[in-house]
Amino acid sequence: CVERQQTKMAVLPIQVLCVVLLAVTPAAVAKTPVIFDTDVGTDFDDSVSIAFALQDPSIDVRLILTATADTVGRARAVAKYLTLVGRTDVPIGVGKLHTVPKPCTLCDWAADFDMDTYKGVVYQDGIGAAIDVVKNATSAGEHIEILAIAPCTNFPDMLSRYPDIVKGASVKAMSGSIYRGYGNSSTPSAEYNVAIYPEGSKAMYEASWDVFTTPLDTCGTVKLSGDSYDSFLMGSAVTSRTIATQLLFWARHLHRDIMTETDTWYDAVAAFMATSRSSELLVYKDLHVKVTDDGHTVVDPSGPLIHAAIDWVVGGEDKFEADLAKMLAQNP
């Protein structure tokens, strides 16, 4: 009896210690599993969006699927970037080759990269790989977010090959123009990703999944400048060095002036929408939106319901840009 009492007294402090440790140990960050659908290589914002997502501890990139025109060259650009930043654990999917004419400046940047030396996984049937990612996530009780930052050349095939994808995924897209257009104009524009391939955007918008968009209203003025830009360009982290090198290559080939500020980084907001922080800075509005044949996204009662980020809270865009610069300056 005495032995039992001594045993209980010896165990009790350990039990109490375990309770205390559980109480003070922070919970693991819940990660949002995502698939990128990207035309990386044409405009530079895709590269920034991918880099941001790979850096953010709340985002788990399960696949980077290339879209539009030279999807093979775009996959090579992704492979070179992932190799340089040490993230070859992220699979790449080659999307549907499409006749939409789009230059790919960063395909030239990656022309010297030998895909035979790439240590990661590349799926030649990228659409099939995306479907498998969603199926596997659904089986594990997870929900995939597709970050659509390209003309929607992959979406019609994705939806036709696996209609149930809408049950296991939702979309967060850089897409459209609701009340404001390019250059913060008060006149809405035919936004590029939609205007290049309206049929694909119609398929994405009209499918029975949740669609969240950052139209030009919120992504159309996102840039780095001033101290944030300087810290990014002068950063010593592998991500900032690699992105800065890409940016300089891209700007030099397209004769863009990036001395005092970046170009507009539209797609970065789509990646930001995959974080819980986005609801603190973006103002969403539920709207019925119709994609027109000429690539406009118009508010129309006959259109599908989407959740559009139509504005920033006061100071929200500045906070996001600061967060973006900080995230790019960190090591992976």
Protein backbone atom coordinates (compact mmCIF):
# COMPACT_ATOMS: atom_id res chain seq x y z
CA CYS A 1 0.00 0.00 0.00
CA VAL A 2 2.87 2.33 0.83
CA GLU A 3 4.56 1.47 -2.47
CA ARG A 4 1.41 2.36 -4.40
CA GLN A 5 1.16 5.75 -2.69
CA GLN A 6 4.78 6.53 -3.48
CA THR A 7 4.21 5.58 -7.12
CA LYS A 8 1.18 7.85 -7.39
CA MET A 9 3.06 10.75 -5.79
CA ALA A 10 5.95 10.27 -8.25
CA VAL A 11 3.65 10.19 -11.31
CA LEU A 12 1.51 13.16 -10.30
CA PRO A 13 4.09 15.87 -10.95
CA ILE A 14 4.75 14.47 -14.43
CA GLN A 15 1.03 14.52 -15.19
CA VAL A 16 0.76 18.09 -13.99
CA LEU A 17 3.82 19.02 -16.06
CA CYS A 18 2.25 17.50 -19.18
CA VAL A 19 -0.91 19.55 -18.67
CA VAL A 20 1.13 22.72 -18.24
CA LEU A 21 3.19 22.02 -21.38
CA LEU A 22 0.07 21.38 -23.43
CA ALA A 23 -1.38 24.64 -22.17
CA VAL A 24 1.63 26.77 -23.14
CA THR A 25 2.77 25.00 -26.32
CA PRO A 26 1.40 26.84 -29.38
CA ALA A 27 -0.81 24.80 -31.72
CA ALA A 28 0.66 23.88 -35.09
CA VAL A 29 -0.26 26.33 -37.84
CA ALA A 30 -3.11 24.92 -39.91
CA LYS A 31 -1.95 24.87 -43.53
CA THR A 32 -4.20 25.50 -46.50
CA PRO A 33 -3.45 22.99 -49.30
CA VAL A 34 -3.33 24.70 -52.69
CA ILE A 35 -2.78 24.03 -56.37
CA PHE A 36 -1.37 26.83 -58.51
CA ASP A 37 -2.71 27.25 -62.03
CA THR A 38 -0.19 29.68 -63.49
CA ASP A 39 1.14 31.18 -66.70
CA VAL A 40 4.42 31.94 -64.95
CA GLY A 41 7.00 33.56 -67.20
CA THR A 42 4.94 36.14 -69.06
CA ASP A 43 4.22 38.82 -66.47
CA PHE A 44 6.32 38.78 -63.34
CA ASP A 45 3.54 38.67 -60.77
CA ASP A 46 3.12 34.88 -61.10
CA SER A 47 6.67 34.40 -59.83
CA VAL A 48 5.96 36.63 -56.84
CA SER A 49 2.69 34.84 -56.08
CA ILE A 50 4.39 31.43 -56.09
CA ALA A 51 7.30 32.69 -53.98
CA PHE A 52 4.90 34.21 -51.44
CA ALA A 53 2.91 30.99 -51.12
CA LEU A 54 6.03 28.87 -50.71
CA GLN A 55 7.25 31.21 -47.97
CA ASP A 56 4.00 31.54 -46.06
CA PRO A 57 3.79 29.00 -43.20
CA SER A 58 0.01 28.76 -43.53
CA ILE A 59 0.06 27.60 -47.18
CA ASP A 60 0.91 24.09 -48.39
CA VAL A 61 1.62 24.08 -52.14
CA ARG A 62 0.69 20.61 -53.42
CA LEU A 63 1.17 21.22 -57.16
CA ILE A 64 2.21 23.97 -59.57
CA LEU A 65 0.30 23.48 -62.82
CA THR A 66 1.38 25.50 -65.85
CA ALA A 67 -1.19 27.06 -68.16
CA THR A 68 -1.45 28.78 -71.53
CA ALA A 69 0.71 28.49 -74.64
CA ASP A 70 4.17 27.01 -73.90
CA THR A 71 3.32 25.04 -70.78
CA VAL A 72 6.49 22.95 -71.16
CA GLY A 73 8.72 26.04 -71.13
CA ARG A 74 6.82 27.41 -68.16
CA ALA A 75 7.34 24.13 -66.30
CA ARG A 76 11.08 24.47 -66.92
CA ALA A 77 11.00 27.99 -65.45
CA VAL A 78 9.23 26.64 -62.36
CA ALA A 79 11.74 23.79 -62.06
CA LYS A 80 14.70 26.15 -62.22
CA TYR A 81 13.19 28.41 -59.57
CA LEU A 82 12.32 25.53 -57.22
CA THR A 83 15.84 24.17 -57.61
CA LEU A 84 17.44 27.51 -56.77
CA VAL A 85 15.35 28.01 -53.63
CA GLY A 86 15.60 24.40 -52.48
CA ARG A 87 11.93 23.47 -52.90
CA THR A 88 12.04 20.58 -55.33
CA ASP A 89 9.65 18.78 -52.98
CA VAL A 90 6.82 20.63 -54.74
CA PRO A 91 5.52 18.70 -57.80
CA ILE A 92 5.11 20.39 -61.16
CA GLY A 93 2.35 19.64 -63.63
CA VAL A 94 2.55 20.45 -67.35
CA GLY A 95 -0.78 21.92 -68.37
CA LYS A 96 -2.64 21.80 -71.64
CA LEU A 97 -0.74 23.21 -74.59
CA HIS A 98 -2.91 26.02 -75.87
CA THR A 99 -2.81 28.16 -78.97
CA VAL A 100 -3.29 31.41 -77.02
CA PRO A 101 -0.24 33.45 -78.12
CA LYS A 102 1.66 34.57 -75.02
CA PRO A 103 5.34 35.45 -74.74
CA CYS A 104 7.27 33.78 -71.93
CA THR A 105 10.27 35.90 -70.95
CA LEU A 106 11.23 33.68 -68.03
CA CYS A 107 11.21 30.68 -70.36
CA ASP A 108 14.32 32.34 -71.82
CA TRP A 109 15.70 32.78 -68.27
CA ALA A 110 15.29 29.02 -67.75
CA ALA A 111 16.50 27.93 -71.20
CA ASP A 112 19.84 26.82 -69.74
CA PHE A 113 18.20 24.52 -67.19
CA ASP A 114 18.44 20.80 -67.97
CA MET A 115 15.21 19.11 -66.93
CA ASP A 116 16.99 15.76 -66.83
CA THR A 117 18.87 17.01 -63.77
CA TYR A 118 15.75 18.16 -61.95
CA LYS A 119 15.39 16.33 -58.64
CA GLY A 120 11.66 16.86 -58.21
CA VAL A 121 8.58 15.29 -59.80
CA VAL A 122 7.17 16.59 -63.09
CA TYR A 123 3.83 15.25 -64.31
CA GLN A 124 3.42 15.46 -68.07
CA ASP A 125 -0.34 15.14 -67.60
CA GLY A 126 -0.61 18.07 -65.24
CA ILE A 127 -4.40 18.20 -65.34
CA GLY A 128 -4.54 14.55 -64.31
CA ALA A 129 -2.08 15.31 -61.50
CA ALA A 130 -4.27 18.17 -60.28
CA ILE A 131 -7.29 15.87 -60.24
CA ASP A 132 -5.33 13.28 -58.25
CA VAL A 133 -4.26 15.94 -55.72
CA VAL A 134 -7.90 16.86 -55.15
CA LYS A 135 -8.98 13.22 -54.90
CA ASN A 136 -6.24 12.41 -52.40
CA ALA A 137 -7.03 15.49 -50.33
CA THR A 138 -10.73 14.64 -50.29
CA SER A 139 -9.92 11.13 -49.09
CA ALA A 140 -7.89 12.67 -46.27
CA GLY A 141 -10.71 15.01 -45.29
CA GLU A 142 -8.99 18.07 -46.77
CA HIS A 143 -10.26 20.79 -49.10
CA ILE A 144 -8.04 22.10 -51.89
CA GLU A 145 -7.91 25.73 -52.98
CA ILE A 146 -6.97 26.28 -56.62
CA LEU A 147 -5.07 29.54 -57.02
CA ALA A 148 -5.99 30.54 -60.56
CA ILE A 149 -3.57 33.22 -61.77
CA ALA A 150 -3.66 32.57 -65.52
CA PRO A 151 -6.10 32.48 -68.40
CA CYS A 152 -8.25 29.45 -67.62
CA THR A 153 -6.97 27.17 -70.37
CA ASN A 154 -6.84 24.14 -68.06
CA PHE A 155 -10.24 24.51 -66.42
CA PRO A 156 -12.59 23.14 -69.12
CA ASP A 157 -10.62 19.87 -69.30
CA MET A 158 -10.24 19.67 -65.53
CA LEU A 159 -13.99 20.01 -65.04
CA SER A 160 -14.96 17.65 -67.85
CA ARG A 161 -12.49 14.92 -66.84
CA TYR A 162 -13.50 15.02 -63.18
CA PRO A 163 -16.83 16.81 -62.58
CA ASP A 164 -16.67 15.98 -58.86
CA ILE A 165 -13.65 18.22 -58.50
CA VAL A 166 -16.12 20.93 -57.48
CA LYS A 167 -16.88 18.95 -54.32
CA GLY A 168 -13.28 18.84 -53.18
CA ALA A 169 -11.97 22.20 -54.28
CA SER A 170 -12.70 25.90 -54.43
CA VAL A 171 -11.07 28.64 -56.49
CA LYS A 172 -9.25 31.80 -55.51
CA ALA A 173 -8.48 33.71 -58.67
CA MET A 174 -6.86 36.85 -59.94
CA SER A 175 -9.66 37.51 -62.36
CA GLY A 176 -11.87 40.22 -63.76
CA SER A 177 -12.70 43.86 -63.18
CA ILE A 178 -15.89 44.80 -61.35
CA TYR A 179 -16.00 48.53 -60.61
CA ARG A 180 -12.45 49.64 -61.38
CA GLY A 181 -10.15 48.94 -64.30
CA TYR A 182 -6.46 49.06 -65.13
CA GLY A 183 -4.59 51.97 -63.56
CA ASN A 184 -7.35 52.29 -60.95
CA SER A 185 -9.64 53.71 -63.63
CA SER A 186 -13.28 54.21 -62.69
CA THR A 187 -14.16 52.38 -65.92
CA PRO A 188 -13.99 48.55 -65.67
CA SER A 189 -11.63 46.79 -68.07
CA ALA A 190 -11.60 43.51 -69.95
CA GLU A 191 -9.03 42.01 -67.56
CA TYR A 192 -6.26 40.05 -69.29
CA ASN A 193 -6.77 36.59 -67.77
CA VAL A 194 -10.44 36.68 -68.72
CA ALA A 195 -10.13 38.46 -72.06
CA ILE A 196 -7.46 36.06 -73.41
CA TYR A 197 -9.77 33.05 -73.05
CA PRO A 198 -13.33 33.96 -71.99
CA GLU A 199 -14.63 30.42 -72.51
CA GLY A 200 -12.27 29.07 -69.88
CA SER A 201 -13.26 31.78 -67.41
CA LYS A 202 -16.93 31.04 -68.04
CA ALA A 203 -16.31 27.38 -67.18
CA MET A 204 -14.51 28.33 -63.98
CA TYR A 205 -17.10 30.88 -62.84
CA GLU A 206 -20.12 28.75 -63.69
CA ALA A 207 -18.98 25.50 -62.05
CA SER A 208 -20.71 24.70 -58.76
CA TRP A 209 -17.80 25.44 -56.43
CA ASP A 210 -16.97 28.53 -54.40
CA VAL A 211 -15.14 31.15 -56.44
CA PHE A 212 -13.30 33.99 -54.71
CA THR A 213 -11.71 36.65 -56.89
CA THR A 214 -9.35 39.54 -56.56
CA PRO A 215 -10.35 41.65 -59.56
CA LEU A 216 -8.45 44.74 -60.67
CA ASP A 217 -10.39 46.60 -58.00
CA THR A 218 -8.01 45.24 -55.34
CA CYS A 219 -4.99 43.81 -57.15
CA GLY A 220 -4.56 46.48 -59.81
CA THR A 221 -2.29 48.81 -57.84
CA VAL A 222 -0.15 46.41 -55.77
CA LYS A 223 3.54 47.29 -56.09
CA LEU A 224 6.67 47.50 -53.97
CA SER A 225 8.39 50.87 -53.67
CA GLY A 226 10.42 52.86 -51.18
CA ASP A 227 11.92 51.08 -48.20
CA SER A 228 10.02 47.84 -48.87
CA TYR A 229 11.41 47.66 -52.40
CA ASP A 230 14.93 48.48 -51.24
CA SER A 231 14.87 45.79 -48.56
CA PHE A 232 13.62 43.27 -51.11
CA LEU A 233 16.28 44.12 -53.71
CA MET A 234 19.08 44.14 -51.14
CA GLY A 235 17.91 41.06 -49.28
CA SER A 236 20.37 38.27 -48.62
CA ALA A 237 17.82 35.45 -48.34
CA VAL A 238 17.84 32.92 -51.17
CA THR A 239 14.23 33.72 -52.11
CA SER A 240 14.71 37.48 -52.41
CA ARG A 241 17.99 37.00 -54.31
CA THR A 242 16.41 34.59 -56.77
CA ILE A 243 13.27 36.67 -57.29
CA ALA A 244 15.32 39.86 -57.70
CA THR A 245 17.50 38.15 -60.32
CA GLN A 246 14.42 36.98 -62.20
CA LEU A 247 12.87 40.45 -61.98
CA LEU A 248 15.97 42.15 -63.38
CA PHE A 249 16.16 39.62 -66.25
CA TRP A 250 12.46 40.11 -67.02
CA ALA A 251 12.62 43.91 -66.88
CA ARG A 252 15.78 44.14 -68.98
CA HIS A 253 14.31 41.97 -71.75
CA LEU A 254 11.05 43.93 -71.81
CA HIS A 255 12.68 47.34 -71.30
CA ARG A 256 10.67 48.02 -68.14
CA ASP A 257 11.74 50.72 -65.72
CA ILE A 258 11.90 49.20 -62.25
CA MET A 259 14.41 51.60 -60.70
CA THR A 260 12.05 53.04 -58.07
CA GLU A 261 9.19 50.55 -57.96
CA THR A 262 8.15 47.14 -59.24
CA ASP A 263 5.64 46.47 -61.94
CA THR A 264 2.12 45.69 -60.72
CA TRP A 265 2.03 42.41 -58.82
CA TYR A 266 -1.60 41.46 -59.42
CA ASP A 267 -1.30 37.73 -58.75
CA ALA A 268 0.28 38.13 -55.33
CA VAL A 269 -3.15 39.01 -53.94
CA ALA A 270 -4.57 35.65 -55.09
CA ALA A 271 -1.95 33.83 -53.00
CA PHE A 272 -2.69 36.16 -50.08
CA MET A 273 -6.35 35.14 -50.28
CA ALA A 274 -5.31 31.62 -49.28
CA THR A 275 -4.27 32.95 -45.86
CA SER A 276 -6.59 33.69 -42.96
CA ARG A 277 -5.02 37.18 -42.77
CA SER A 278 -6.72 38.17 -46.00
CA SER A 279 -10.14 38.49 -44.34
CA GLU A 280 -8.65 41.17 -42.09
CA LEU A 281 -7.45 43.34 -44.98
CA LEU A 282 -9.77 42.64 -47.92
CA VAL A 283 -13.43 43.61 -48.24
CA TYR A 284 -15.44 40.87 -49.95
CA LYS A 285 -18.83 41.28 -51.58
CA ASP A 286 -21.09 38.50 -52.87
CA LEU A 287 -22.03 39.32 -56.44
CA HIS A 288 -23.68 37.61 -59.39
CA VAL A 289 -21.12 38.06 -62.16
CA LYS A 290 -21.34 37.13 -65.81
CA VAL A 291 -18.36 36.67 -68.14
CA THR A 292 -19.07 38.28 -71.50
CA ASP A 293 -17.80 37.05 -74.84
CA ASP A 294 -15.37 39.98 -75.03
CA GLY A 295 -13.84 39.22 -71.63
CA HIS A 296 -15.61 41.59 -69.29
CA THR A 297 -16.93 40.50 -65.88
CA VAL A 298 -20.20 42.32 -65.35
CA VAL A 299 -22.57 42.30 -62.40
CA ASP A 300 -25.66 40.52 -63.72
CA PRO A 301 -28.45 38.75 -61.80
CA SER A 302 -28.26 35.89 -64.31
CA GLY A 303 -24.60 35.23 -63.56
CA PRO A 304 -23.18 32.77 -60.99
CA LEU A 305 -22.59 33.96 -57.44
CA ILE A 306 -18.96 34.73 -56.61
CA HIS A 307 -17.16 36.29 -53.67
CA ALA A 308 -15.24 39.29 -54.99
CA ALA A 309 -12.64 41.25 -53.04
CA ILE A 310 -13.72 44.68 -54.22
CA ASP A 311 -11.76 46.86 -51.79
CA TRP A 312 -9.12 47.01 -49.06
CA VAL A 313 -9.81 48.10 -45.51
CA VAL A 314 -8.23 51.45 -44.67
CA GLY A 315 -4.48 50.93 -44.83
CA GLY A 316 -4.94 47.31 -45.90
CA GLU A 317 -3.05 47.48 -49.17
CA ASP A 318 -0.04 49.10 -47.50
CA LYS A 319 -0.04 46.40 -44.82
CA PHE A 320 -0.21 43.68 -47.45
CA GLU A 321 2.67 45.15 -49.45
CA ALA A 322 4.78 45.33 -46.28
CA ASP A 323 3.84 41.71 -45.46
CA LEU A 324 4.75 40.66 -49.00
CA ALA A 325 8.17 42.30 -48.85
CA LYS A 326 8.84 40.74 -45.45
CA MET A 327 7.78 37.29 -46.64
CA LEU A 328 10.02 37.43 -49.72
CA ALA A 329 12.99 38.51 -47.59
CA GLN A 330 12.81 35.42 -45.37
CA ASN A 331 14.71 32.23 -45.97
CA PRO A 332 12.55 29.22 -46.95
